[in-house]
Amino acid sequence: MKYVVTGAAGFIGSHLCEKLLEQPDGIVVGIDMMTGAGSAWRNLKNLLRNPRFQFIKGDLREMRLDEPLAGADIVYHLAGMPGVRSSWGTDFVKYTANNIDVTQRLLEACADARISRFIYASTSSVYGEKTGSVREDAAPAPLSPYGVSKLTGEYLCHVYAHNRGLPVVILRLFTVYGPRQRPDMAFHRFIRSMLEERPITIYGDGMQTRDFTYIGDGVQAIARAAAAEGVIGETINIGGAERASVKEAIGILEELFGRRAKIEWLPRARGEPRHTWADIGKAARLLGYRPRTGLREGLRLQMLDMIEWMKERE
């Protein structure tokens, strides 16, 4: 089985590649343009030791795709420009290029390559503000340019499924966290601030809640989408084992560190919903997905990884 993973050096992509390589017959081709610099190479460290992993450094906006896609069975498209807060203003051109243009270019190449399955990593940001747990049939209403760019990618997947017969699966991921999380993401920033005894920056009042998905749980579901029956053409939420507010998450970190956090309060960020909550019934039914890692354990594991990461940087 040959897998192609775009964004392979990223937080989720690197964990996914490791999971796929647990299969003794799995061959993984990872593609990444390495914008993450040092953290990206750290993410690849274990993968590069595996003879069944091939890494290609390249820009999906312009690189040739026929060679990496030759003989591919499954394509996971995780590459893209992340971040709600940075998607406003003139920077949106980066989102159109990396989240829309790249997705269309890859879909076109995959339709010609006759792959068995194209799995698109989308986001809970496409839903916008919703009340209660949200199912996949809820009307999308993104609040940010980033959410719009990812939703456009979903629509492109549907277009290629309808017109070219491409076997597409869309996964909407809810606030994934854990070891190797991107430095710009909340828990990475919180833990690093605690380690360095600096104030934690919180946007809003801290009462906003998120459906936190531990990376080990989420990647298990993502990997299963490659072989699960009845998933082609479906959109599936991937949420976590525990919802909590930002304040509650900081309270857990205070327990783990054994001291109070210093807080710097900033105005609420544009484009972010007050609450997110995934209905994962469909994932349970189609993927056998049952997230098991609670927030305290997940944060403990991320904290230990952060301590190791900071020692490596000394």
C-alpha atoms as a PDB file:
ATOM      1  CA  MET A   1       0.000   0.000   0.000  1.00  0.00           C
ATOM      2  CA  LYS A   2       1.471   3.327  -1.055  1.00  0.00           C
ATOM      3  CA  TYR A   3       0.382   6.441   0.818  1.00  0.00           C
ATOM      4  CA  VAL A   4       1.164  10.009  -0.176  1.00  0.00           C
ATOM      5  CA  VAL A   5       0.918  12.561   2.639  1.00  0.00           C
ATOM      6  CA  THR A   6       1.134  16.279   1.919  1.00  0.00           C
ATOM      7  CA  GLY A   7       2.207  18.406   4.865  1.00  0.00           C
ATOM      8  CA  ALA A   8       4.176  15.412   6.142  1.00  0.00           C
ATOM      9  CA  ALA A   9       6.549  17.503   8.262  1.00  0.00           C
ATOM     10  CA  GLY A  10       3.710  19.255  10.056  1.00  0.00           C
ATOM     11  CA  PHE A  11       2.234  18.499  13.453  1.00  0.00           C
ATOM     12  CA  ILE A  12      -0.579  16.216  12.301  1.00  0.00           C
ATOM     13  CA  GLY A  13       1.137  15.046   9.120  1.00  0.00           C
ATOM     14  CA  SER A  14       4.225  13.690  10.869  1.00  0.00           C
ATOM     15  CA  HIS A  15       2.138  11.767  13.420  1.00  0.00           C
ATOM     16  CA  LEU A  16      -0.010  10.377  10.602  1.00  0.00           C
ATOM     17  CA  CYS A  17       3.045   9.162   8.665  1.00  0.00           C
ATOM     18  CA  GLU A  18       4.311   7.364  11.766  1.00  0.00           C
ATOM     19  CA  LYS A  19       0.910   5.736  12.237  1.00  0.00           C
ATOM     20  CA  LEU A  20       0.717   4.577   8.611  1.00  0.00           C
ATOM     21  CA  LEU A  21       4.189   3.055   8.829  1.00  0.00           C
ATOM     22  CA  GLU A  22       2.992   0.781  11.642  1.00  0.00           C
ATOM     23  CA  GLN A  23       1.527  -1.329   8.840  1.00  0.00           C
ATOM     24  CA  PRO A  24       4.286  -3.735   7.737  1.00  0.00           C
ATOM     25  CA  ASP A  25       3.431  -3.322   4.048  1.00  0.00           C
ATOM     26  CA  GLY A  26       2.954   0.458   4.157  1.00  0.00           C
ATOM     27  CA  ILE A  27       5.103   2.748   2.021  1.00  0.00           C
ATOM     28  CA  VAL A  28       4.749   6.457   2.737  1.00  0.00           C
ATOM     29  CA  VAL A  29       5.808   9.336   0.514  1.00  0.00           C
ATOM     30  CA  GLY A  30       5.812  12.579   2.452  1.00  0.00           C
ATOM     31  CA  ILE A  31       5.758  15.980   0.765  1.00  0.00           C
ATOM     32  CA  ASP A  32       6.435  19.263   2.539  1.00  0.00           C
ATOM     33  CA  MET A  33       7.916  22.650   1.656  1.00  0.00           C
ATOM     34  CA  MET A  34       9.487  22.911   5.145  1.00  0.00           C
ATOM     35  CA  THR A  35       8.239  26.340   6.165  1.00  0.00           C
ATOM     36  CA  GLY A  36       8.408  25.215   9.785  1.00  0.00           C
ATOM     37  CA  ALA A  37      12.220  25.296   9.741  1.00  0.00           C
ATOM     38  CA  GLY A  38      13.696  23.590  12.838  1.00  0.00           C
ATOM     39  CA  SER A  39      10.445  22.170  14.198  1.00  0.00           C
ATOM     40  CA  ALA A  40       9.670  20.562  10.833  1.00  0.00           C
ATOM     41  CA  TRP A  41      12.978  18.680  10.761  1.00  0.00           C
ATOM     42  CA  ARG A  42      12.382  17.562  14.352  1.00  0.00           C
ATOM     43  CA  ASN A  43       8.988  16.205  13.303  1.00  0.00           C
ATOM     44  CA  LEU A  44      10.664  14.170  10.558  1.00  0.00           C
ATOM     45  CA  LYS A  45      13.476  12.824  12.740  1.00  0.00           C
ATOM     46  CA  ASN A  46      12.011   9.370  13.377  1.00  0.00           C
ATOM     47  CA  LEU A  47      10.470   9.079   9.922  1.00  0.00           C
ATOM     48  CA  LEU A  48      13.745   9.630   8.085  1.00  0.00           C
ATOM     49  CA  ARG A  49      15.186   6.560   9.824  1.00  0.00           C
ATOM     50  CA  ASN A  50      12.519   4.330   8.290  1.00  0.00           C
ATOM     51  CA  PRO A  51      13.445   2.791   4.912  1.00  0.00           C
ATOM     52  CA  ARG A  52       9.752   2.683   3.913  1.00  0.00           C
ATOM     53  CA  PHE A  53       9.478   6.464   4.163  1.00  0.00           C
ATOM     54  CA  GLN A  54      10.447   8.719   1.275  1.00  0.00           C
ATOM     55  CA  PHE A  55      10.590  12.457   1.817  1.00  0.00           C
ATOM     56  CA  ILE A  56      10.219  15.020  -0.951  1.00  0.00           C
ATOM     57  CA  LYS A  57      10.901  18.660  -0.182  1.00  0.00           C
ATOM     58  CA  GLY A  58       8.759  20.613  -2.593  1.00  0.00           C
ATOM     59  CA  ASP A  59       6.204  23.345  -3.116  1.00  0.00           C
ATOM     60  CA  LEU A  60       2.835  21.908  -4.158  1.00  0.00           C
ATOM     61  CA  ARG A  61       2.055  25.142  -5.994  1.00  0.00           C
ATOM     62  CA  GLU A  62       4.630  24.357  -8.658  1.00  0.00           C
ATOM     63  CA  MET A  63       6.290  20.947  -8.257  1.00  0.00           C
ATOM     64  CA  ARG A  64       5.602  18.044 -10.590  1.00  0.00           C
ATOM     65  CA  LEU A  65       3.131  15.630  -9.057  1.00  0.00           C
ATOM     66  CA  ASP A  66       3.171  12.723 -11.490  1.00  0.00           C
ATOM     67  CA  GLU A  67       6.192  10.984  -9.940  1.00  0.00           C
ATOM     68  CA  PRO A  68       5.110  10.976  -6.255  1.00  0.00           C
ATOM     69  CA  LEU A  69       1.570   9.983  -7.285  1.00  0.00           C
ATOM     70  CA  ALA A  70       2.707   7.140  -9.551  1.00  0.00           C
ATOM     71  CA  GLY A  71       1.331   3.907  -8.102  1.00  0.00           C
ATOM     72  CA  ALA A  72      -0.223   5.696  -5.122  1.00  0.00           C
ATOM     73  CA  ASP A  73      -3.220   4.076  -3.471  1.00  0.00           C
ATOM     74  CA  ILE A  74      -4.178   6.702  -0.877  1.00  0.00           C
ATOM     75  CA  VAL A  75      -3.511  10.448  -0.850  1.00  0.00           C
ATOM     76  CA  TYR A  76      -3.851  12.420   2.382  1.00  0.00           C
ATOM     77  CA  HIS A  77      -3.969  16.156   1.789  1.00  0.00           C
ATOM     78  CA  LEU A  78      -2.915  17.850   5.032  1.00  0.00           C
ATOM     79  CA  ALA A  79      -0.735  20.619   3.613  1.00  0.00           C
ATOM     80  CA  GLY A  80      -2.055  24.146   3.833  1.00  0.00           C
ATOM     81  CA  MET A  81      -1.808  27.555   5.401  1.00  0.00           C
ATOM     82  CA  PRO A  82      -3.131  27.394   8.999  1.00  0.00           C
ATOM     83  CA  GLY A  83      -4.324  30.085  11.360  1.00  0.00           C
ATOM     84  CA  VAL A  84      -7.487  32.119  11.839  1.00  0.00           C
ATOM     85  CA  ARG A  85      -5.937  35.322  13.174  1.00  0.00           C
ATOM     86  CA  SER A  86      -3.391  35.723  10.374  1.00  0.00           C
ATOM     87  CA  SER A  87      -5.872  35.150   7.539  1.00  0.00           C
ATOM     88  CA  TRP A  88      -7.205  38.721   7.420  1.00  0.00           C
ATOM     89  CA  GLY A  89      -6.065  41.538   5.155  1.00  0.00           C
ATOM     90  CA  THR A  90      -3.418  41.209   2.460  1.00  0.00           C
ATOM     91  CA  ASP A  91      -2.104  37.941   3.927  1.00  0.00           C
ATOM     92  CA  PHE A  92      -5.200  36.172   2.596  1.00  0.00           C
ATOM     93  CA  VAL A  93      -3.360  35.730  -0.712  1.00  0.00           C
ATOM     94  CA  LYS A  94      -1.269  33.075   1.071  1.00  0.00           C
ATOM     95  CA  TYR A  95      -4.455  31.216   1.983  1.00  0.00           C
ATOM     96  CA  THR A  96      -5.879  31.322  -1.529  1.00  0.00           C
ATOM     97  CA  ALA A  97      -2.568  30.032  -2.911  1.00  0.00           C
ATOM     98  CA  ASN A  98      -1.892  27.301  -0.347  1.00  0.00           C
ATOM     99  CA  ASN A  99      -5.411  26.194   0.611  1.00  0.00           C
ATOM    100  CA  ILE A 100      -7.390  26.692  -2.589  1.00  0.00           C
ATOM    101  CA  ASP A 101      -5.027  26.726  -5.567  1.00  0.00           C
ATOM    102  CA  VAL A 102      -2.901  23.868  -4.231  1.00  0.00           C
ATOM    103  CA  THR A 103      -5.958  21.747  -3.434  1.00  0.00           C
ATOM    104  CA  GLN A 104      -7.335  22.184  -6.955  1.00  0.00           C
ATOM    105  CA  ARG A 105      -3.961  21.358  -8.492  1.00  0.00           C
ATOM    106  CA  LEU A 106      -3.606  18.218  -6.374  1.00  0.00           C
ATOM    107  CA  LEU A 107      -7.161  17.076  -7.074  1.00  0.00           C
ATOM    108  CA  GLU A 108      -6.543  17.440 -10.792  1.00  0.00           C
ATOM    109  CA  ALA A 109      -3.372  15.352 -10.575  1.00  0.00           C
ATOM    110  CA  CYS A 110      -5.048  12.704  -8.413  1.00  0.00           C
ATOM    111  CA  ALA A 111      -7.967  12.383 -10.826  1.00  0.00           C
ATOM    112  CA  ASP A 112      -5.470  11.602 -13.586  1.00  0.00           C
ATOM    113  CA  ALA A 113      -3.519   9.186 -11.355  1.00  0.00           C
ATOM    114  CA  ARG A 114      -6.567   6.998 -10.592  1.00  0.00           C
ATOM    115  CA  ILE A 115      -5.918   6.684  -6.871  1.00  0.00           C
ATOM    116  CA  SER A 116      -8.155   4.628  -4.575  1.00  0.00           C
ATOM    117  CA  ARG A 117      -8.964   7.378  -2.080  1.00  0.00           C
ATOM    118  CA  PHE A 118      -8.344  11.114  -1.573  1.00  0.00           C
ATOM    119  CA  ILE A 119      -8.635  12.193   2.066  1.00  0.00           C
ATOM    120  CA  TYR A 120      -8.917  15.918   2.682  1.00  0.00           C
ATOM    121  CA  ALA A 121      -8.130  17.349   6.124  1.00  0.00           C
ATOM    122  CA  SER A 122     -10.623  20.133   6.772  1.00  0.00           C
ATOM    123  CA  THR A 123     -11.444  21.971   9.973  1.00  0.00           C
ATOM    124  CA  SER A 124     -14.187  22.779  12.451  1.00  0.00           C
ATOM    125  CA  SER A 125     -13.695  26.412  11.389  1.00  0.00           C
ATOM    126  CA  VAL A 126     -16.032  25.784   8.448  1.00  0.00           C
ATOM    127  CA  TYR A 127     -19.004  25.582  10.848  1.00  0.00           C
ATOM    128  CA  GLY A 128     -18.673  29.011  12.410  1.00  0.00           C
ATOM    129  CA  GLU A 129     -20.729  29.701  15.523  1.00  0.00           C
ATOM    130  CA  LYS A 130     -23.096  26.847  16.416  1.00  0.00           C
ATOM    131  CA  THR A 131     -25.098  25.933  19.503  1.00  0.00           C
ATOM    132  CA  GLY A 132     -24.624  22.491  21.014  1.00  0.00           C
ATOM    133  CA  SER A 133     -22.866  19.560  19.373  1.00  0.00           C
ATOM    134  CA  VAL A 134     -22.645  19.990  15.629  1.00  0.00           C
ATOM    135  CA  ARG A 135     -23.312  17.271  13.075  1.00  0.00           C
ATOM    136  CA  GLU A 136     -21.835  17.116   9.614  1.00  0.00           C
ATOM    137  CA  ASP A 137     -25.105  18.150   7.974  1.00  0.00           C
ATOM    138  CA  ALA A 138     -25.086  21.539   9.752  1.00  0.00           C
ATOM    139  CA  ALA A 139     -24.895  24.454   7.326  1.00  0.00           C
ATOM    140  CA  PRO A 140     -21.322  25.761   7.085  1.00  0.00           C
ATOM    141  CA  ALA A 141     -20.894  29.426   8.013  1.00  0.00           C
ATOM    142  CA  PRO A 142     -17.186  30.197   8.538  1.00  0.00           C
ATOM    143  CA  LEU A 143     -16.288  33.300  10.547  1.00  0.00           C
ATOM    144  CA  SER A 144     -12.791  33.822   9.138  1.00  0.00           C
ATOM    145  CA  PRO A 145     -11.032  33.973   5.761  1.00  0.00           C
ATOM    146  CA  TYR A 146      -9.135  30.847   6.858  1.00  0.00           C
ATOM    147  CA  GLY A 147     -12.411  28.963   7.343  1.00  0.00           C
ATOM    148  CA  VAL A 148     -13.591  30.156   3.924  1.00  0.00           C
ATOM    149  CA  SER A 149     -10.409  28.854   2.287  1.00  0.00           C
ATOM    150  CA  LYS A 150     -10.809  25.403   3.863  1.00  0.00           C
ATOM    151  CA  LEU A 151     -14.491  25.232   2.978  1.00  0.00           C
ATOM    152  CA  THR A 152     -13.592  26.112  -0.605  1.00  0.00           C
ATOM    153  CA  GLY A 153     -11.244  23.139  -0.564  1.00  0.00           C
ATOM    154  CA  GLU A 154     -14.175  20.947   0.494  1.00  0.00           C
ATOM    155  CA  TYR A 155     -16.278  22.262  -2.391  1.00  0.00           C
ATOM    156  CA  LEU A 156     -13.442  21.521  -4.806  1.00  0.00           C
ATOM    157  CA  CYS A 157     -13.345  17.941  -3.484  1.00  0.00           C
ATOM    158  CA  HIS A 158     -17.065  17.581  -4.205  1.00  0.00           C
ATOM    159  CA  VAL A 159     -16.610  19.012  -7.707  1.00  0.00           C
ATOM    160  CA  TYR A 160     -13.885  16.483  -8.566  1.00  0.00           C
ATOM    161  CA  ALA A 161     -15.864  13.654  -6.998  1.00  0.00           C
ATOM    162  CA  HIS A 162     -18.907  14.532  -9.098  1.00  0.00           C
ATOM    163  CA  ASN A 163     -17.195  15.305 -12.392  1.00  0.00           C
ATOM    164  CA  ARG A 164     -14.119  13.086 -12.353  1.00  0.00           C
ATOM    165  CA  GLY A 165     -15.256  10.250 -10.099  1.00  0.00           C
ATOM    166  CA  LEU A 166     -12.525  10.945  -7.553  1.00  0.00           C
ATOM    167  CA  PRO A 167     -13.113   8.876  -4.367  1.00  0.00           C
ATOM    168  CA  VAL A 168     -13.059  11.651  -1.763  1.00  0.00           C
ATOM    169  CA  VAL A 169     -13.340  11.603   2.031  1.00  0.00           C
ATOM    170  CA  ILE A 170     -13.488  14.853   4.022  1.00  0.00           C
ATOM    171  CA  LEU A 171     -12.444  14.934   7.673  1.00  0.00           C
ATOM    172  CA  ARG A 172     -13.275  17.989   9.799  1.00  0.00           C
ATOM    173  CA  LEU A 173     -10.742  18.176  12.627  1.00  0.00           C
ATOM    174  CA  PHE A 174     -11.519  19.867  15.949  1.00  0.00           C
ATOM    175  CA  THR A 175      -8.654  21.596  17.849  1.00  0.00           C
ATOM    176  CA  VAL A 176      -5.942  18.941  17.688  1.00  0.00           C
ATOM    177  CA  TYR A 177      -3.229  19.169  20.362  1.00  0.00           C
ATOM    178  CA  GLY A 178      -0.398  17.086  21.793  1.00  0.00           C
ATOM    179  CA  PRO A 179       3.343  16.491  21.330  1.00  0.00           C
ATOM    180  CA  ARG A 180       4.953  18.432  18.441  1.00  0.00           C
ATOM    181  CA  GLN A 181       2.059  20.893  18.230  1.00  0.00           C
ATOM    182  CA  ARG A 182       2.851  23.971  16.110  1.00  0.00           C
ATOM    183  CA  PRO A 183       4.495  26.828  18.058  1.00  0.00           C
ATOM    184  CA  ASP A 184       1.692  29.251  17.132  1.00  0.00           C
ATOM    185  CA  MET A 185      -1.032  27.065  18.651  1.00  0.00           C
ATOM    186  CA  ALA A 186      -2.542  27.807  22.047  1.00  0.00           C
ATOM    187  CA  PHE A 187      -1.326  24.919  24.190  1.00  0.00           C
ATOM    188  CA  HIS A 188       2.225  25.171  22.832  1.00  0.00           C
ATOM    189  CA  ARG A 189       2.237  28.880  23.709  1.00  0.00           C
ATOM    190  CA  PHE A 190       0.672  28.265  27.135  1.00  0.00           C
ATOM    191  CA  ILE A 191       3.126  25.533  28.125  1.00  0.00           C
ATOM    192  CA  ARG A 192       6.142  27.421  26.844  1.00  0.00           C
ATOM    193  CA  SER A 193       5.066  30.516  28.763  1.00  0.00           C
ATOM    194  CA  MET A 194       4.721  28.436  31.929  1.00  0.00           C
ATOM    195  CA  LEU A 195       8.144  26.868  31.416  1.00  0.00           C
ATOM    196  CA  GLU A 196       9.727  30.277  30.863  1.00  0.00           C
ATOM    197  CA  GLU A 197       7.660  31.863  33.679  1.00  0.00           C
ATOM    198  CA  ARG A 198       6.156  34.435  31.315  1.00  0.00           C
ATOM    199  CA  PRO A 199       2.516  35.550  31.155  1.00  0.00           C
ATOM    200  CA  ILE A 200       0.078  33.431  29.167  1.00  0.00           C
ATOM    201  CA  THR A 201      -1.773  35.491  26.571  1.00  0.00           C
ATOM    202  CA  ILE A 202      -5.544  34.860  26.473  1.00  0.00           C
ATOM    203  CA  TYR A 203      -7.866  36.397  23.916  1.00  0.00           C
ATOM    204  CA  GLY A 204     -11.283  37.197  25.380  1.00  0.00           C
ATOM    205  CA  ASP A 205     -12.503  36.130  28.817  1.00  0.00           C
ATOM    206  CA  GLY A 206     -11.175  32.568  28.755  1.00  0.00           C
ATOM    207  CA  MET A 207     -14.642  31.070  28.962  1.00  0.00           C
ATOM    208  CA  GLN A 208     -14.669  30.034  25.313  1.00  0.00           C
ATOM    209  CA  THR A 209     -14.793  26.244  25.009  1.00  0.00           C
ATOM    210  CA  ARG A 210     -13.198  23.883  22.534  1.00  0.00           C
ATOM    211  CA  ASP A 211     -13.572  20.240  21.638  1.00  0.00           C
ATOM    212  CA  PHE A 212      -9.945  19.287  22.270  1.00  0.00           C
ATOM    213  CA  THR A 213      -8.719  16.322  20.204  1.00  0.00           C
ATOM    214  CA  TYR A 214      -5.547  14.570  21.349  1.00  0.00           C
ATOM    215  CA  ILE A 215      -3.221  13.855  18.430  1.00  0.00           C
ATOM    216  CA  GLY A 216      -2.980  10.124  19.153  1.00  0.00           C
ATOM    217  CA  ASP A 217      -6.757   9.758  19.035  1.00  0.00           C
ATOM    218  CA  GLY A 218      -7.232  11.957  15.985  1.00  0.00           C
ATOM    219  CA  VAL A 219      -4.516  10.287  13.935  1.00  0.00           C
ATOM    220  CA  GLN A 220      -6.031   6.888  14.625  1.00  0.00           C
ATOM    221  CA  ALA A 221      -9.269   8.054  13.012  1.00  0.00           C
ATOM    222  CA  ILE A 222      -7.467   9.722  10.103  1.00  0.00           C
ATOM    223  CA  ALA A 223      -5.500   6.548   9.391  1.00  0.00           C
ATOM    224  CA  ARG A 224      -8.640   4.391   9.471  1.00  0.00           C
ATOM    225  CA  ALA A 225     -10.244   6.546   6.777  1.00  0.00           C
ATOM    226  CA  ALA A 226      -7.888   4.915   4.254  1.00  0.00           C
ATOM    227  CA  ALA A 227      -9.507   1.482   4.449  1.00  0.00           C
ATOM    228  CA  ALA A 228     -12.879   1.922   6.169  1.00  0.00           C
ATOM    229  CA  GLU A 229     -15.941   0.856   4.201  1.00  0.00           C
ATOM    230  CA  GLY A 230     -18.742   3.260   3.381  1.00  0.00           C
ATOM    231  CA  VAL A 231     -16.736   6.469   3.820  1.00  0.00           C
ATOM    232  CA  ILE A 232     -16.195   7.554   0.216  1.00  0.00           C
ATOM    233  CA  GLY A 233     -18.181  10.703  -0.442  1.00  0.00           C
ATOM    234  CA  GLU A 234     -18.670  11.349   3.271  1.00  0.00           C
ATOM    235  CA  THR A 235     -17.762  14.280   5.514  1.00  0.00           C
ATOM    236  CA  ILE A 236     -16.813  13.180   9.031  1.00  0.00           C
ATOM    237  CA  ASN A 237     -16.154  15.102  12.250  1.00  0.00           C
ATOM    238  CA  ILE A 238     -13.062  14.138  14.238  1.00  0.00           C
ATOM    239  CA  GLY A 239     -13.437  15.504  17.774  1.00  0.00           C
ATOM    240  CA  GLY A 240     -11.964  14.664  21.141  1.00  0.00           C
ATOM    241  CA  ALA A 241     -12.729  12.925  24.398  1.00  0.00           C
ATOM    242  CA  GLU A 242     -13.254  16.103  26.408  1.00  0.00           C
ATOM    243  CA  ARG A 243     -14.515  19.654  25.973  1.00  0.00           C
ATOM    244  CA  ALA A 244     -13.225  22.404  28.228  1.00  0.00           C
ATOM    245  CA  SER A 245     -12.877  26.156  28.464  1.00  0.00           C
ATOM    246  CA  VAL A 246      -9.539  27.891  28.044  1.00  0.00           C
ATOM    247  CA  LYS A 247      -9.633  28.757  31.748  1.00  0.00           C
ATOM    248  CA  GLU A 248     -10.167  25.109  32.661  1.00  0.00           C
ATOM    249  CA  ALA A 249      -7.228  24.081  30.465  1.00  0.00           C
ATOM    250  CA  ILE A 250      -4.993  26.627  32.201  1.00  0.00           C
ATOM    251  CA  GLY A 251      -6.200  25.296  35.546  1.00  0.00           C
ATOM    252  CA  ILE A 252      -4.968  21.840  34.530  1.00  0.00           C
ATOM    253  CA  LEU A 253      -1.589  23.284  33.519  1.00  0.00           C
ATOM    254  CA  GLU A 254      -1.347  25.005  36.902  1.00  0.00           C
ATOM    255  CA  GLU A 255      -1.897  21.632  38.587  1.00  0.00           C
ATOM    256  CA  LEU A 256       0.735  19.972  36.395  1.00  0.00           C
ATOM    257  CA  PHE A 257       3.290  22.735  37.041  1.00  0.00           C
ATOM    258  CA  GLY A 258       2.388  23.119  40.696  1.00  0.00           C
ATOM    259  CA  ARG A 259       2.063  26.912  40.505  1.00  0.00           C
ATOM    260  CA  ARG A 260      -0.238  29.667  39.333  1.00  0.00           C
ATOM    261  CA  ALA A 261      -0.058  30.992  35.812  1.00  0.00           C
ATOM    262  CA  LYS A 262       0.470  34.647  35.017  1.00  0.00           C
ATOM    263  CA  ILE A 263      -2.231  35.860  32.634  1.00  0.00           C
ATOM    264  CA  GLU A 264      -2.209  38.670  30.081  1.00  0.00           C
ATOM    265  CA  TRP A 265      -5.728  39.412  28.851  1.00  0.00           C
ATOM    266  CA  LEU A 266      -6.307  40.666  25.317  1.00  0.00           C
ATOM    267  CA  PRO A 267      -9.507  41.468  23.377  1.00  0.00           C
ATOM    268  CA  ARG A 268     -11.378  38.592  21.775  1.00  0.00           C
ATOM    269  CA  ALA A 269      -9.860  37.603  18.428  1.00  0.00           C
ATOM    270  CA  ARG A 270     -11.823  38.123  15.221  1.00  0.00           C
ATOM    271  CA  GLY A 271     -13.153  35.088  13.407  1.00  0.00           C
ATOM    272  CA  GLU A 272     -13.121  32.613  16.283  1.00  0.00           C
ATOM    273  CA  PRO A 273     -16.326  30.949  17.499  1.00  0.00           C
ATOM    274  CA  ARG A 274     -17.267  31.118  21.144  1.00  0.00           C
ATOM    275  CA  HIS A 275     -17.712  27.344  21.384  1.00  0.00           C
ATOM    276  CA  THR A 276     -16.953  24.238  19.347  1.00  0.00           C
ATOM    277  CA  TRP A 277     -18.377  20.775  19.998  1.00  0.00           C
ATOM    278  CA  ALA A 278     -18.232  17.862  17.583  1.00  0.00           C
ATOM    279  CA  ASP A 279     -20.905  15.238  17.239  1.00  0.00           C
ATOM    280  CA  ILE A 280     -18.662  12.253  16.523  1.00  0.00           C
ATOM    281  CA  GLY A 281     -21.415   9.670  16.116  1.00  0.00           C
ATOM    282  CA  LYS A 282     -20.640   9.328  12.418  1.00  0.00           C
ATOM    283  CA  ALA A 283     -16.938   8.776  13.087  1.00  0.00           C
ATOM    284  CA  ALA A 284     -17.815   6.124  15.664  1.00  0.00           C
ATOM    285  CA  ARG A 285     -20.105   4.364  13.193  1.00  0.00           C
ATOM    286  CA  LEU A 286     -17.906   4.528  10.083  1.00  0.00           C
ATOM    287  CA  LEU A 287     -14.396   4.546  11.564  1.00  0.00           C
ATOM    288  CA  GLY A 288     -14.897   2.799  14.899  1.00  0.00           C
ATOM    289  CA  TYR A 289     -13.583   6.019  16.448  1.00  0.00           C
ATOM    290  CA  ARG A 290     -13.628   6.337  20.227  1.00  0.00           C
ATOM    291  CA  PRO A 291     -11.245   8.990  21.591  1.00  0.00           C
ATOM    292  CA  ARG A 292      -9.832   7.947  24.938  1.00  0.00           C
ATOM    293  CA  THR A 293      -7.262  10.557  25.989  1.00  0.00           C
ATOM    294  CA  GLY A 294      -8.572  13.063  28.505  1.00  0.00           C
ATOM    295  CA  LEU A 295      -7.352  16.634  28.545  1.00  0.00           C
ATOM    296  CA  ARG A 296      -5.203  16.300  31.665  1.00  0.00           C
ATOM    297  CA  GLU A 297      -3.293  13.311  30.304  1.00  0.00           C
ATOM    298  CA  GLY A 298      -2.953  14.900  26.867  1.00  0.00           C
ATOM    299  CA  LEU A 299      -1.584  18.124  28.342  1.00  0.00           C
ATOM    300  CA  ARG A 300       0.817  16.161  30.540  1.00  0.00           C
ATOM    301  CA  LEU A 301       2.217  14.377  27.491  1.00  0.00           C
ATOM    302  CA  GLN A 302       2.495  17.618  25.566  1.00  0.00           C
ATOM    303  CA  MET A 303       4.241  19.275  28.503  1.00  0.00           C
ATOM    304  CA  LEU A 304       6.846  16.491  28.663  1.00  0.00           C
ATOM    305  CA  ASP A 305       7.437  16.794  24.926  1.00  0.00           C
ATOM    306  CA  MET A 306       7.826  20.573  25.254  1.00  0.00           C
ATOM    307  CA  ILE A 307      10.419  20.154  27.999  1.00  0.00           C
ATOM    308  CA  GLU A 308      12.417  17.839  25.742  1.00  0.00           C
ATOM    309  CA  TRP A 309      12.011  20.227  22.784  1.00  0.00           C
ATOM    310  CA  MET A 310      13.312  23.166  24.783  1.00  0.00           C
ATOM    311  CA  LYS A 311      16.312  21.177  26.029  1.00  0.00           C
ATOM    312  CA  GLU A 312      17.183  20.320  22.430  1.00  0.00           C
ATOM    313  CA  ARG A 313      17.151  24.034  21.577  1.00  0.00           C
ATOM    314  CA  GLU A 314      19.585  24.997  24.355  1.00  0.00           C
END
